[in-house]
Amino acid sequence: MAVINVTEENFKTETESGLALVDFYADWCGPCKMLAPVLEELAAEVTDVKVVKVNVDEARSLAIDYKVSSIPHLFLLKDGEIVEQELGFKPKEVLQGWIAKHQ
């Protein structure tokens, strides 16, 4: 499955059922750029988890709702509810473990 870029309009639809790994990012953020290929790889490998990206500059109200004050800010949602969250770049192995814990 490919990484899904979401907006304020379709965020809930994309994250309300199953597991979703959500990356709050910005195009100008260095660590976010480092994380992008890791998320692409992960999305290609795990078909039962949605990998979702939210641009904080374009979806400010979502960033506010999720209290995002630093990026990248990663959330793991299960059926729309937060089960984990982390700040900063994480290697693929850490994200795989994170997902495996909640499947």
PDB file of N, CA and C in Angstrom:
ATOM      1  N   MET A   1       0.853  -1.172   0.000  1.00  0.00           N
ATOM      2  CA  MET A   1       0.000   0.000   0.000  1.00  0.00           C
ATOM      3  C   MET A   1       0.899   1.236   0.000  1.00  0.00           C
ATOM      4  N   ALA A   2       0.474   2.252  -0.679  1.00  0.00           N
ATOM      5  CA  ALA A   2       1.251   3.483  -0.760  1.00  0.00           C
ATOM      6  C   ALA A   2       0.945   4.392   0.428  1.00  0.00           C
ATOM      7  N   VAL A   3       1.843   5.331   0.669  1.00  0.00           N
ATOM      8  CA  VAL A   3       1.605   6.357   1.679  1.00  0.00           C
ATOM      9  C   VAL A   3       0.448   7.226   1.193  1.00  0.00           C
ATOM     10  N   ILE A   4      -0.449   7.567   2.102  1.00  0.00           N
ATOM     11  CA  ILE A   4      -1.631   8.366   1.772  1.00  0.00           C
ATOM     12  C   ILE A   4      -1.444   9.773   2.339  1.00  0.00           C
ATOM     13  N   ASN A   5      -1.465  10.766   1.464  1.00  0.00           N
ATOM     14  CA  ASN A   5      -1.425  12.157   1.910  1.00  0.00           C
ATOM     15  C   ASN A   5      -2.860  12.585   2.163  1.00  0.00           C
ATOM     16  N   VAL A   6      -3.130  13.012   3.402  1.00  0.00           N
ATOM     17  CA  VAL A   6      -4.504  13.361   3.757  1.00  0.00           C
ATOM     18  C   VAL A   6      -4.652  14.854   4.027  1.00  0.00           C
ATOM     19  N   THR A   7      -5.903  15.268   4.018  1.00  0.00           N
ATOM     20  CA  THR A   7      -6.268  16.649   4.312  1.00  0.00           C
ATOM     21  C   THR A   7      -7.192  16.640   5.521  1.00  0.00           C
ATOM     22  N   GLU A   8      -7.575  17.812   5.945  1.00  0.00           N
ATOM     23  CA  GLU A   8      -8.524  17.910   7.051  1.00  0.00           C
ATOM     24  C   GLU A   8      -9.856  17.243   6.681  1.00  0.00           C
ATOM     25  N   GLU A   9     -10.194  17.284   5.400  1.00  0.00           N
ATOM     26  CA  GLU A   9     -11.474  16.741   4.952  1.00  0.00           C
ATOM     27  C   GLU A   9     -11.520  15.212   4.984  1.00  0.00           C
ATOM     28  N   ASN A  10     -10.418  14.532   4.657  1.00  0.00           N
ATOM     29  CA  ASN A  10     -10.476  13.070   4.569  1.00  0.00           C
ATOM     30  C   ASN A  10      -9.688  12.343   5.665  1.00  0.00           C
ATOM     31  N   PHE A  11      -9.142  13.060   6.622  1.00  0.00           N
ATOM     32  CA  PHE A  11      -8.341  12.442   7.679  1.00  0.00           C
ATOM     33  C   PHE A  11      -9.146  11.389   8.439  1.00  0.00           C
ATOM     34  N   LYS A  12     -10.330  11.741   8.900  1.00  0.00           N
ATOM     35  CA  LYS A  12     -11.123  10.816   9.715  1.00  0.00           C
ATOM     36  C   LYS A  12     -11.472   9.557   8.927  1.00  0.00           C
ATOM     37  N   THR A  13     -11.866   9.712   7.682  1.00  0.00           N
ATOM     38  CA  THR A  13     -12.216   8.568   6.845  1.00  0.00           C
ATOM     39  C   THR A  13     -11.039   7.610   6.702  1.00  0.00           C
ATOM     40  N   GLU A  14      -9.849   8.151   6.545  1.00  0.00           N
ATOM     41  CA  GLU A  14      -8.660   7.325   6.321  1.00  0.00           C
ATOM     42  C   GLU A  14      -8.132   6.673   7.600  1.00  0.00           C
ATOM     43  N   THR A  15      -8.517   7.190   8.766  1.00  0.00           N
ATOM     44  CA  THR A  15      -7.931   6.687  10.018  1.00  0.00           C
ATOM     45  C   THR A  15      -8.934   6.079  10.987  1.00  0.00           C
ATOM     46  N   GLU A  16     -10.213   6.032  10.642  1.00  0.00           N
ATOM     47  CA  GLU A  16     -11.222   5.619  11.622  1.00  0.00           C
ATOM     48  C   GLU A  16     -11.349   4.115  11.820  1.00  0.00           C
ATOM     49  N   SER A  17     -10.770   3.301  10.937  1.00  0.00           N
ATOM     50  CA  SER A  17     -10.855   1.859  11.153  1.00  0.00           C
ATOM     51  C   SER A  17      -9.501   1.200  10.918  1.00  0.00           C
ATOM     52  N   GLY A  18      -9.194   0.216  11.746  1.00  0.00           N
ATOM     53  CA  GLY A  18      -7.918  -0.488  11.647  1.00  0.00           C
ATOM     54  C   GLY A  18      -6.769   0.333  12.208  1.00  0.00           C
ATOM     55  N   LEU A  19      -5.551  -0.095  11.859  1.00  0.00           N
ATOM     56  CA  LEU A  19      -4.343   0.608  12.307  1.00  0.00           C
ATOM     57  C   LEU A  19      -3.911   1.627  11.271  1.00  0.00           C
ATOM     58  N   ALA A  20      -3.516   2.803  11.743  1.00  0.00           N
ATOM     59  CA  ALA A  20      -2.991   3.843  10.869  1.00  0.00           C
ATOM     60  C   ALA A  20      -1.779   4.484  11.545  1.00  0.00           C
ATOM     61  N   LEU A  21      -0.682   4.529  10.821  1.00  0.00           N
ATOM     62  CA  LEU A  21       0.514   5.228  11.276  1.00  0.00           C
ATOM     63  C   LEU A  21       0.458   6.607  10.644  1.00  0.00           C
ATOM     64  N   VAL A  22       0.339   7.635  11.473  1.00  0.00           N
ATOM     65  CA  VAL A  22       0.147   9.004  10.992  1.00  0.00           C
ATOM     66  C   VAL A  22       1.404   9.821  11.255  1.00  0.00           C
ATOM     67  N   ASP A  23       1.894  10.457  10.194  1.00  0.00           N
ATOM     68  CA  ASP A  23       3.086  11.303  10.266  1.00  0.00           C
ATOM     69  C   ASP A  23       2.665  12.753  10.054  1.00  0.00           C
ATOM     70  N   PHE A  24       2.772  13.573  11.093  1.00  0.00           N
ATOM     71  CA  PHE A  24       2.580  15.015  10.950  1.00  0.00           C
ATOM     72  C   PHE A  24       3.941  15.585  10.559  1.00  0.00           C
ATOM     73  N   TYR A  25       4.005  16.257   9.406  1.00  0.00           N
ATOM     74  CA  TYR A  25       5.280  16.691   8.838  1.00  0.00           C
ATOM     75  C   TYR A  25       5.125  18.055   8.168  1.00  0.00           C
ATOM     76  N   ALA A  26       6.255  18.578   7.690  1.00  0.00           N
ATOM     77  CA  ALA A  26       6.262  19.768   6.836  1.00  0.00           C
ATOM     78  C   ALA A  26       7.342  19.576   5.779  1.00  0.00           C
ATOM     79  N   ASP A  27       7.131  20.169   4.615  1.00  0.00           N
ATOM     80  CA  ASP A  27       8.090  20.036   3.510  1.00  0.00           C
ATOM     81  C   ASP A  27       9.452  20.629   3.837  1.00  0.00           C
ATOM     82  N   TRP A  28       9.508  21.608   4.707  1.00  0.00           N
ATOM     83  CA  TRP A  28      10.757  22.300   5.025  1.00  0.00           C
ATOM     84  C   TRP A  28      11.541  21.623   6.159  1.00  0.00           C
ATOM     85  N   CYS A  29      11.000  20.572   6.745  1.00  0.00           N
ATOM     86  CA  CYS A  29      11.573  19.925   7.937  1.00  0.00           C
ATOM     87  C   CYS A  29      12.599  18.854   7.540  1.00  0.00           C
ATOM     88  N   GLY A  30      13.845  19.029   7.969  1.00  0.00           N
ATOM     89  CA  GLY A  30      14.915  18.077   7.663  1.00  0.00           C
ATOM     90  C   GLY A  30      14.643  16.662   8.147  1.00  0.00           C
ATOM     91  N   PRO A  31      14.355  16.463   9.448  1.00  0.00           N
ATOM     92  CA  PRO A  31      14.059  15.110   9.925  1.00  0.00           C
ATOM     93  C   PRO A  31      12.838  14.485   9.232  1.00  0.00           C
ATOM     94  N   CYS A  32      11.874  15.314   8.839  1.00  0.00           N
ATOM     95  CA  CYS A  32      10.707  14.812   8.112  1.00  0.00           C
ATOM     96  C   CYS A  32      11.133  14.253   6.753  1.00  0.00           C
ATOM     97  N   LYS A  33      12.062  14.945   6.097  1.00  0.00           N
ATOM     98  CA  LYS A  33      12.577  14.473   4.806  1.00  0.00           C
ATOM     99  C   LYS A  33      13.333  13.160   4.967  1.00  0.00           C
ATOM    100  N   MET A  34      14.036  12.995   6.081  1.00  0.00           N
ATOM    101  CA  MET A  34      14.746  11.740   6.347  1.00  0.00           C
ATOM    102  C   MET A  34      13.756  10.593   6.588  1.00  0.00           C
ATOM    103  N   LEU A  35      12.633  10.901   7.212  1.00  0.00           N
ATOM    104  CA  LEU A  35      11.642   9.895   7.551  1.00  0.00           C
ATOM    105  C   LEU A  35      10.813   9.447   6.349  1.00  0.00           C
ATOM    106  N   ALA A  36      10.645  10.320   5.367  1.00  0.00           N
ATOM    107  CA  ALA A  36       9.774  10.033   4.218  1.00  0.00           C
ATOM    108  C   ALA A  36      10.103   8.712   3.515  1.00  0.00           C
ATOM    109  N   PRO A  37      11.367   8.433   3.158  1.00  0.00           N
ATOM    110  CA  PRO A  37      11.635   7.149   2.485  1.00  0.00           C
ATOM    111  C   PRO A  37      11.423   5.944   3.389  1.00  0.00           C
ATOM    112  N   VAL A  38      11.613   6.114   4.682  1.00  0.00           N
ATOM    113  CA  VAL A  38      11.363   5.032   5.640  1.00  0.00           C
ATOM    114  C   VAL A  38       9.872   4.693   5.626  1.00  0.00           C
ATOM    115  N   LEU A  39       9.035   5.708   5.627  1.00  0.00           N
ATOM    116  CA  LEU A  39       7.589   5.487   5.605  1.00  0.00           C
ATOM    117  C   LEU A  39       7.139   4.869   4.281  1.00  0.00           C
ATOM    118  N   GLU A  40       7.750   5.281   3.167  1.00  0.00           N
ATOM    119  CA  GLU A  40       7.434   4.694   1.858  1.00  0.00           C
ATOM    120  C   GLU A  40       7.750   3.198   1.865  1.00  0.00           C
ATOM    121  N   GLU A  41       8.914   2.852   2.384  1.00  0.00           N
ATOM    122  CA  GLU A  41       9.328   1.451   2.472  1.00  0.00           C
ATOM    123  C   GLU A  41       8.365   0.659   3.350  1.00  0.00           C
ATOM    124  N   LEU A  42       8.051   1.214   4.492  1.00  0.00           N
ATOM    125  CA  LEU A  42       7.155   0.558   5.435  1.00  0.00           C
ATOM    126  C   LEU A  42       5.770   0.352   4.817  1.00  0.00           C
ATOM    127  N   ALA A  43       5.263   1.361   4.134  1.00  0.00           N
ATOM    128  CA  ALA A  43       3.943   1.272   3.508  1.00  0.00           C
ATOM    129  C   ALA A  43       3.908   0.164   2.459  1.00  0.00           C
ATOM    130  N   ALA A  44       5.014  -0.031   1.760  1.00  0.00           N
ATOM    131  CA  ALA A  44       5.077  -1.082   0.744  1.00  0.00           C
ATOM    132  C   ALA A  44       5.109  -2.476   1.377  1.00  0.00           C
ATOM    133  N   GLU A  45       5.608  -2.564   2.594  1.00  0.00           N
ATOM    134  CA  GLU A  45       5.786  -3.862   3.254  1.00  0.00           C
ATOM    135  C   GLU A  45       4.589  -4.294   4.105  1.00  0.00           C
ATOM    136  N   VAL A  46       3.904  -3.359   4.732  1.00  0.00           N
ATOM    137  CA  VAL A  46       2.788  -3.706   5.623  1.00  0.00           C
ATOM    138  C   VAL A  46       1.472  -3.331   4.960  1.00  0.00           C
ATOM    139  N   THR A  47       0.739  -4.329   4.540  1.00  0.00           N
ATOM    140  CA  THR A  47      -0.491  -4.072   3.800  1.00  0.00           C
ATOM    141  C   THR A  47      -1.707  -3.897   4.690  1.00  0.00           C
ATOM    142  N   ASP A  48      -1.588  -4.269   5.957  1.00  0.00           N
ATOM    143  CA  ASP A  48      -2.740  -4.163   6.860  1.00  0.00           C
ATOM    144  C   ASP A  48      -2.702  -2.917   7.739  1.00  0.00           C
ATOM    145  N   VAL A  49      -1.774  -2.011   7.459  1.00  0.00           N
ATOM    146  CA  VAL A  49      -1.661  -0.757   8.209  1.00  0.00           C
ATOM    147  C   VAL A  49      -1.589   0.387   7.200  1.00  0.00           C
ATOM    148  N   LYS A  50      -2.416   1.402   7.392  1.00  0.00           N
ATOM    149  CA  LYS A  50      -2.337   2.581   6.533  1.00  0.00           C
ATOM    150  C   LYS A  50      -1.212   3.475   7.041  1.00  0.00           C
ATOM    151  N   VAL A  51      -0.410   3.979   6.132  1.00  0.00           N
ATOM    152  CA  VAL A  51       0.607   4.963   6.466  1.00  0.00           C
ATOM    153  C   VAL A  51       0.113   6.287   5.889  1.00  0.00           C
ATOM    154  N   VAL A  52      -0.142   7.231   6.784  1.00  0.00           N
ATOM    155  CA  VAL A  52      -0.818   8.473   6.446  1.00  0.00           C
ATOM    156  C   VAL A  52       0.073   9.656   6.790  1.00  0.00           C
ATOM    157  N   LYS A  53       0.146  10.638   5.870  1.00  0.00           N
ATOM    158  CA  LYS A  53       0.936  11.842   6.111  1.00  0.00           C
ATOM    159  C   LYS A  53       0.018  13.058   6.160  1.00  0.00           C
ATOM    160  N   VAL A  54       0.284  13.924   7.140  1.00  0.00           N
ATOM    161  CA  VAL A  54      -0.482  15.156   7.307  1.00  0.00           C
ATOM    162  C   VAL A  54       0.498  16.321   7.277  1.00  0.00           C
ATOM    163  N   ASN A  55       0.359  17.191   6.298  1.00  0.00           N
ATOM    164  CA  ASN A  55       1.199  18.374   6.201  1.00  0.00           C
ATOM    165  C   ASN A  55       0.665  19.424   7.182  1.00  0.00           C
ATOM    166  N   VAL A  56       1.455  19.753   8.198  1.00  0.00           N
ATOM    167  CA  VAL A  56       0.981  20.671   9.241  1.00  0.00           C
ATOM    168  C   VAL A  56       0.735  22.079   8.722  1.00  0.00           C
ATOM    169  N   ASP A  57       1.412  22.458   7.637  1.00  0.00           N
ATOM    170  CA  ASP A  57       1.197  23.789   7.068  1.00  0.00           C
ATOM    171  C   ASP A  57      -0.137  23.880   6.333  1.00  0.00           C
ATOM    172  N   GLU A  58      -0.629  22.746   5.847  1.00  0.00           N
ATOM    173  CA  GLU A  58      -1.883  22.725   5.097  1.00  0.00           C
ATOM    174  C   GLU A  58      -3.068  22.260   5.942  1.00  0.00           C
ATOM    175  N   ALA A  59      -2.795  21.589   7.045  1.00  0.00           N
ATOM    176  CA  ALA A  59      -3.866  21.054   7.896  1.00  0.00           C
ATOM    177  C   ALA A  59      -3.636  21.505   9.339  1.00  0.00           C
ATOM    178  N   ARG A  60      -3.621  22.790   9.532  1.00  0.00           N
ATOM    179  CA  ARG A  60      -3.315  23.357  10.854  1.00  0.00           C
ATOM    180  C   ARG A  60      -4.288  22.921  11.938  1.00  0.00           C
ATOM    181  N   SER A  61      -5.557  22.808  11.605  1.00  0.00           N
ATOM    182  CA  SER A  61      -6.525  22.442  12.654  1.00  0.00           C
ATOM    183  C   SER A  61      -6.296  21.005  13.128  1.00  0.00           C
ATOM    184  N   LEU A  62      -5.874  20.109  12.241  1.00  0.00           N
ATOM    185  CA  LEU A  62      -5.537  18.746  12.675  1.00  0.00           C
ATOM    186  C   LEU A  62      -4.336  18.757  13.598  1.00  0.00           C
ATOM    187  N   ALA A  63      -3.330  19.556  13.235  1.00  0.00           N
ATOM    188  CA  ALA A  63      -2.136  19.667  14.080  1.00  0.00           C
ATOM    189  C   ALA A  63      -2.502  20.198  15.460  1.00  0.00           C
ATOM    190  N   ILE A  64      -3.409  21.138  15.506  1.00  0.00           N
ATOM    191  CA  ILE A  64      -3.865  21.687  16.782  1.00  0.00           C
ATOM    192  C   ILE A  64      -4.653  20.633  17.553  1.00  0.00           C
ATOM    193  N   ASP A  65      -5.563  19.939  16.868  1.00  0.00           N
ATOM    194  CA  ASP A  65      -6.376  18.901  17.515  1.00  0.00           C
ATOM    195  C   ASP A  65      -5.506  17.815  18.145  1.00  0.00           C
ATOM    196  N   TYR A  66      -4.410  17.461  17.477  1.00  0.00           N
ATOM    197  CA  TYR A  66      -3.523  16.402  17.974  1.00  0.00           C
ATOM    198  C   TYR A  66      -2.357  16.953  18.802  1.00  0.00           C
ATOM    199  N   LYS A  67      -2.406  18.247  19.091  1.00  0.00           N
ATOM    200  CA  LYS A  67      -1.404  18.911  19.940  1.00  0.00           C
ATOM    201  C   LYS A  67       0.020  18.707  19.422  1.00  0.00           C
ATOM    202  N   VAL A  68       0.171  18.868  18.111  1.00  0.00           N
ATOM    203  CA  VAL A  68       1.471  18.729  17.468  1.00  0.00           C
ATOM    204  C   VAL A  68       2.215  20.053  17.615  1.00  0.00           C
ATOM    205  N   SER A  69       3.313  20.016  18.352  1.00  0.00           N
ATOM    206  CA  SER A  69       4.105  21.240  18.546  1.00  0.00           C
ATOM    207  C   SER A  69       5.519  21.075  18.004  1.00  0.00           C
ATOM    208  N   SER A  70       5.858  19.861  17.612  1.00  0.00           N
ATOM    209  CA  SER A  70       7.172  19.558  17.069  1.00  0.00           C
ATOM    210  C   SER A  70       6.991  18.479  16.007  1.00  0.00           C
ATOM    211  N   ILE A  71       7.791  18.548  14.940  1.00  0.00           N
ATOM    212  CA  ILE A  71       7.661  17.557  13.861  1.00  0.00           C
ATOM    213  C   ILE A  71       9.018  16.954  13.530  1.00  0.00           C
ATOM    214  N   PRO A  72       9.042  15.760  12.978  1.00  0.00           N
ATOM    215  CA  PRO A  72       7.894  14.897  12.753  1.00  0.00           C
ATOM    216  C   PRO A  72       7.311  14.380  14.068  1.00  0.00           C
ATOM    217  N   HIS A  73       6.008  14.278  14.079  1.00  0.00           N
ATOM    218  CA  HIS A  73       5.283  13.735  15.226  1.00  0.00           C
ATOM    219  C   HIS A  73       4.470  12.569  14.692  1.00  0.00           C
ATOM    220  N   LEU A  74       4.776  11.386  15.176  1.00  0.00           N
ATOM    221  CA  LEU A  74       4.141  10.162  14.699  1.00  0.00           C
ATOM    222  C   LEU A  74       3.097   9.674  15.690  1.00  0.00           C
ATOM    223  N   PHE A  75       1.973   9.260  15.155  1.00  0.00           N
ATOM    224  CA  PHE A  75       0.900   8.680  15.961  1.00  0.00           C
ATOM    225  C   PHE A  75       0.554   7.326  15.381  1.00  0.00           C
ATOM    226  N   LEU A  76       0.255   6.386  16.235  1.00  0.00           N
ATOM    227  CA  LEU A  76      -0.333   5.130  15.800  1.00  0.00           C
ATOM    228  C   LEU A  76      -1.766   5.148  16.301  1.00  0.00           C
ATOM    229  N   LEU A  77      -2.710   5.100  15.365  1.00  0.00           N
ATOM    230  CA  LEU A  77      -4.121   5.117  15.701  1.00  0.00           C
ATOM    231  C   LEU A  77      -4.709   3.736  15.456  1.00  0.00           C
ATOM    232  N   LYS A  78      -5.550   3.305  16.363  1.00  0.00           N
ATOM    233  CA  LYS A  78      -6.295   2.057  16.176  1.00  0.00           C
ATOM    234  C   LYS A  78      -7.768   2.411  16.246  1.00  0.00           C
ATOM    235  N   ASP A  79      -8.453   2.193  15.147  1.00  0.00           N
ATOM    236  CA  ASP A  79      -9.870   2.556  15.026  1.00  0.00           C
ATOM    237  C   ASP A  79     -10.105   4.011  15.421  1.00  0.00           C
ATOM    238  N   GLY A  80      -9.193   4.877  14.993  1.00  0.00           N
ATOM    239  CA  GLY A  80      -9.327   6.312  15.213  1.00  0.00           C
ATOM    240  C   GLY A  80      -8.831   6.824  16.549  1.00  0.00           C
ATOM    241  N   GLU A  81      -8.410   5.936  17.440  1.00  0.00           N
ATOM    242  CA  GLU A  81      -7.944   6.331  18.774  1.00  0.00           C
ATOM    243  C   GLU A  81      -6.424   6.218  18.864  1.00  0.00           C
ATOM    244  N   ILE A  82      -5.784   7.169  19.536  1.00  0.00           N
ATOM    245  CA  ILE A  82      -4.329   7.161  19.702  1.00  0.00           C
ATOM    246  C   ILE A  82      -3.923   6.033  20.646  1.00  0.00           C
ATOM    247  N   VAL A  83      -2.994   5.171  20.172  1.00  0.00           N
ATOM    248  CA  VAL A  83      -2.464   4.117  21.040  1.00  0.00           C
ATOM    249  C   VAL A  83      -0.978   4.323  21.329  1.00  0.00           C
ATOM    250  N   GLU A  84      -0.293   5.057  20.472  1.00  0.00           N
ATOM    251  CA  GLU A  84       1.128   5.383  20.678  1.00  0.00           C
ATOM    252  C   GLU A  84       1.410   6.707  19.997  1.00  0.00           C
ATOM    253  N   GLN A  85       2.456   7.383  20.463  1.00  0.00           N
ATOM    254  CA  GLN A  85       2.956   8.563  19.763  1.00  0.00           C
ATOM    255  C   GLN A  85       4.422   8.768  20.075  1.00  0.00           C
ATOM    256  N   GLU A  86       5.148   9.292  19.098  1.00  0.00           N
ATOM    257  CA  GLU A  86       6.582   9.530  19.226  1.00  0.00           C
ATOM    258  C   GLU A  86       6.945  10.799  18.477  1.00  0.00           C
ATOM    259  N   LEU A  87       7.988  11.439  18.931  1.00  0.00           N
ATOM    260  CA  LEU A  87       8.516  12.624  18.260  1.00  0.00           C
ATOM    261  C   LEU A  87       9.823  12.277  17.561  1.00  0.00           C
ATOM    262  N   GLY A  88      10.059  12.911  16.422  1.00  0.00           N
ATOM    263  CA  GLY A  88      11.347  12.808  15.744  1.00  0.00           C
ATOM    264  C   GLY A  88      11.466  11.612  14.827  1.00  0.00           C
ATOM    265  N   PHE A  89      12.623  11.554  14.158  1.00  0.00           N
ATOM    266  CA  PHE A  89      12.924  10.474  13.232  1.00  0.00           C
ATOM    267  C   PHE A  89      13.013   9.144  13.971  1.00  0.00           C
ATOM    268  N   LYS A  90      12.454   8.112  13.384  1.00  0.00           N
ATOM    269  CA  LYS A  90      12.552   6.753  13.923  1.00  0.00           C
ATOM    270  C   LYS A  90      12.953   5.820  12.786  1.00  0.00           C
ATOM    271  N   PRO A  91      13.886   4.900  13.030  1.00  0.00           N
ATOM    272  CA  PRO A  91      14.241   3.938  11.986  1.00  0.00           C
ATOM    273  C   PRO A  91      13.099   2.957  11.745  1.00  0.00           C
ATOM    274  N   LYS A  92      13.132   2.336  10.588  1.00  0.00           N
ATOM    275  CA  LYS A  92      12.058   1.423  10.188  1.00  0.00           C
ATOM    276  C   LYS A  92      11.841   0.314  11.206  1.00  0.00           C
ATOM    277  N   GLU A  93      12.901  -0.216  11.778  1.00  0.00           N
ATOM    278  CA  GLU A  93      12.783  -1.316  12.733  1.00  0.00           C
ATOM    279  C   GLU A  93      11.964  -0.910  13.957  1.00  0.00           C
ATOM    280  N   VAL A  94      12.144   0.313  14.409  1.00  0.00           N
ATOM    281  CA  VAL A  94      11.390   0.812  15.562  1.00  0.00           C
ATOM    282  C   VAL A  94       9.905   0.901  15.203  1.00  0.00           C
ATOM    283  N   LEU A  95       9.607   1.420  14.015  1.00  0.00           N
ATOM    284  CA  LEU A  95       8.216   1.548  13.591  1.00  0.00           C
ATOM    285  C   LEU A  95       7.574   0.181  13.383  1.00  0.00           C
ATOM    286  N   GLN A  96       8.326  -0.778  12.856  1.00  0.00           N
ATOM    287  CA  GLN A  96       7.809  -2.143  12.687  1.00  0.00           C
ATOM    288  C   GLN A  96       7.443  -2.754  14.036  1.00  0.00           C
ATOM    289  N   GLY A  97       8.295  -2.558  15.026  1.00  0.00           N
ATOM    290  CA  GLY A  97       8.024  -3.075  16.366  1.00  0.00           C
ATOM    291  C   GLY A  97       6.805  -2.422  16.981  1.00  0.00           C
ATOM    292  N   TRP A  98       6.696  -1.147  16.771  1.00  0.00           N
ATOM    293  CA  TRP A  98       5.571  -0.355  17.261  1.00  0.00           C
ATOM    294  C   TRP A  98       4.255  -0.905  16.700  1.00  0.00           C
ATOM    295  N   ILE A  99       4.243  -1.141  15.383  1.00  0.00           N
ATOM    296  CA  ILE A  99       3.060  -1.670  14.712  1.00  0.00           C
ATOM    297  C   ILE A  99       2.747  -3.081  15.192  1.00  0.00           C
ATOM    298  N   ALA A 100       3.770  -3.933  15.260  1.00  0.00           N
ATOM    299  CA  ALA A 100       3.585  -5.337  15.657  1.00  0.00           C
ATOM    300  C   ALA A 100       2.952  -5.445  17.049  1.00  0.00           C
ATOM    301  N   LYS A 101       3.286  -4.512  17.904  1.00  0.00           N
ATOM    302  CA  LYS A 101       2.772  -4.509  19.271  1.00  0.00           C
ATOM    303  C   LYS A 101       1.243  -4.308  19.315  1.00  0.00           C
ATOM    304  N   HIS A 102       0.693  -3.703  18.275  1.00  0.00           N
ATOM    305  CA  HIS A 102      -0.735  -3.356  18.302  1.00  0.00           C
ATOM    306  C   HIS A 102      -1.575  -4.087  17.243  1.00  0.00           C
ATOM    307  N   GLN A 103      -0.984  -5.051  16.568  1.00  0.00           N
ATOM    308  CA  GLN A 103      -1.756  -5.789  15.558  1.00  0.00           C
ATOM    309  C   GLN A 103      -2.565  -6.887  16.171  1.00  0.00           C
TER     310      GLN A 103
END
